[in-house]
Structures are given as structure tokens and as C-alpha cells.
Amino acid sequence: MEYAALTEDEGYCWGMLRLMYGSVAWLAIAQLQDFLELPGSARMNTPSTMGINWKWRVGADYDKPGLGEKIMRMVKLYGRH
């Protein structure tokens, strides 16, 4: 938490996304569930299980106004556009 400067105000998901996008890595990939700050029940894959993976789908009820703009600001800030 200290290294990433994670705070409750920013939100831990957004703090980790900031850390990822700000890294020196050539490629940064995040799942939509992280941007939407969804709980673990929305995970896409559970290791060592069969038949239940890769079935998560985003629904219209997950709409978050301003999310696209927030993502774009972060992408531009860290030169990943």
C-alpha cells in the first residue's frame, strides 16, 4: 500500500490501475471488472475449475457515467493511447 500510495479516497482498484498504467511495462491490460470496481464474484476465471470460466458478461446495469472519460484521462496521462 505504501509503495503504490493506495488510499481509500482514490479507491484501491483505481490505485492499482494507476500503478499499472504508470509502470514501465510495454503493455498494460486491465479487466473491465477492475474499472467497474466489482467484487470477486464478477471474476472471469477461477483456477482449477472447469465449466464456469470465461462466462462473465457486462450488463447494461453496470453503466457508470463518466467512466470512459476517467479511463481516457489515465491512458493519456501515462502515454498509453
Protein backbone atom coordinates (compact mmCIF):
# COMPACT_ATOMS: atom_id res chain seq x y z
CA MET A 1 0.00 0.00 0.00
CA GLU A 2 2.85 2.36 0.77
CA TYR A 3 4.77 1.69 -2.49
CA ALA A 4 1.63 2.19 -4.59
CA ALA A 5 0.39 5.10 -2.45
CA LEU A 6 -3.00 3.42 -2.21
CA THR A 7 -5.73 5.33 -0.42
CA GLU A 8 -9.38 4.75 0.31
CA ASP A 9 -10.15 8.18 -1.19
CA GLU A 10 -8.83 7.20 -4.62
CA GLY A 11 -10.05 3.63 -4.24
CA TYR A 12 -7.79 0.60 -4.15
CA CYS A 13 -8.85 -0.59 -7.62
CA TRP A 14 -8.05 2.79 -9.17
CA GLY A 15 -4.79 3.00 -7.27
CA MET A 16 -3.70 -0.35 -8.70
CA LEU A 17 -4.81 0.72 -12.19
CA ARG A 18 -2.76 3.92 -11.78
CA LEU A 19 0.25 1.89 -10.70
CA MET A 20 -0.15 -0.46 -13.67
CA TYR A 21 -0.60 2.28 -16.28
CA GLY A 22 2.27 4.27 -14.79
CA SER A 23 4.67 1.33 -14.88
CA VAL A 24 7.50 0.99 -17.39
CA ALA A 25 5.85 -2.13 -18.83
CA TRP A 26 5.41 -2.06 -22.60
CA LEU A 27 1.84 -3.37 -22.30
CA ALA A 28 -0.78 -2.81 -19.60
CA ILE A 29 -4.05 -4.75 -19.69
CA ALA A 30 -6.86 -4.42 -17.16
CA GLN A 31 -10.20 -6.17 -16.94
CA LEU A 32 -13.42 -4.21 -17.09
CA GLN A 33 -14.31 -5.61 -13.67
CA ASP A 34 -11.43 -3.59 -12.20
CA PHE A 35 -12.60 -0.33 -13.78
CA LEU A 36 -16.11 -1.01 -12.51
CA GLU A 37 -14.73 -1.90 -9.05
CA LEU A 38 -16.75 -5.12 -8.97
CA PRO A 39 -16.38 -7.72 -6.21
CA GLY A 40 -14.66 -11.08 -6.58
CA SER A 41 -17.97 -12.67 -7.60
CA ALA A 42 -17.52 -10.98 -11.01
CA ARG A 43 -14.20 -12.69 -11.69
CA MET A 44 -13.73 -14.13 -15.16
CA ASN A 45 -11.64 -17.17 -14.27
CA THR A 46 -11.28 -19.36 -11.20
CA PRO A 47 -8.16 -21.52 -11.37
CA SER A 48 -8.59 -25.29 -11.06
CA THR A 49 -12.25 -25.23 -12.08
CA MET A 50 -13.97 -26.36 -15.25
CA GLY A 51 -17.14 -25.26 -17.00
CA ILE A 52 -17.67 -21.96 -15.17
CA ASN A 53 -14.82 -19.88 -16.57
CA TRP A 54 -14.92 -17.14 -19.21
CA LYS A 55 -18.70 -16.68 -18.93
CA TRP A 56 -18.88 -13.29 -17.20
CA ARG A 57 -20.60 -10.64 -19.31
CA VAL A 58 -21.11 -6.97 -18.60
CA GLY A 59 -24.73 -5.91 -18.42
CA ALA A 60 -26.43 -2.58 -19.05
CA ASP A 61 -26.88 -2.20 -15.29
CA TYR A 62 -23.10 -1.74 -14.95
CA ASP A 63 -23.26 1.72 -16.53
CA LYS A 64 -21.04 4.23 -14.72
CA PRO A 65 -21.38 7.78 -16.05
CA GLY A 66 -18.03 9.37 -16.74
CA LEU A 67 -16.11 6.07 -16.68
CA GLY A 68 -14.89 6.39 -20.28
CA GLU A 69 -13.57 9.88 -19.65
CA LYS A 70 -11.82 8.77 -16.45
CA ILE A 71 -10.12 5.89 -18.27
CA MET A 72 -9.11 8.16 -21.16
CA ARG A 73 -7.54 10.70 -18.77
CA MET A 74 -5.44 7.97 -17.19
CA VAL A 75 -4.47 6.46 -20.56
CA LYS A 76 -3.38 9.86 -21.89
CA LEU A 77 -1.60 10.83 -18.67
CA TYR A 78 0.62 7.77 -18.88
CA GLY A 79 1.07 7.84 -22.67
CA ARG A 80 -0.81 4.64 -23.36
CA HIS A 81 -3.14 5.94 -26.09
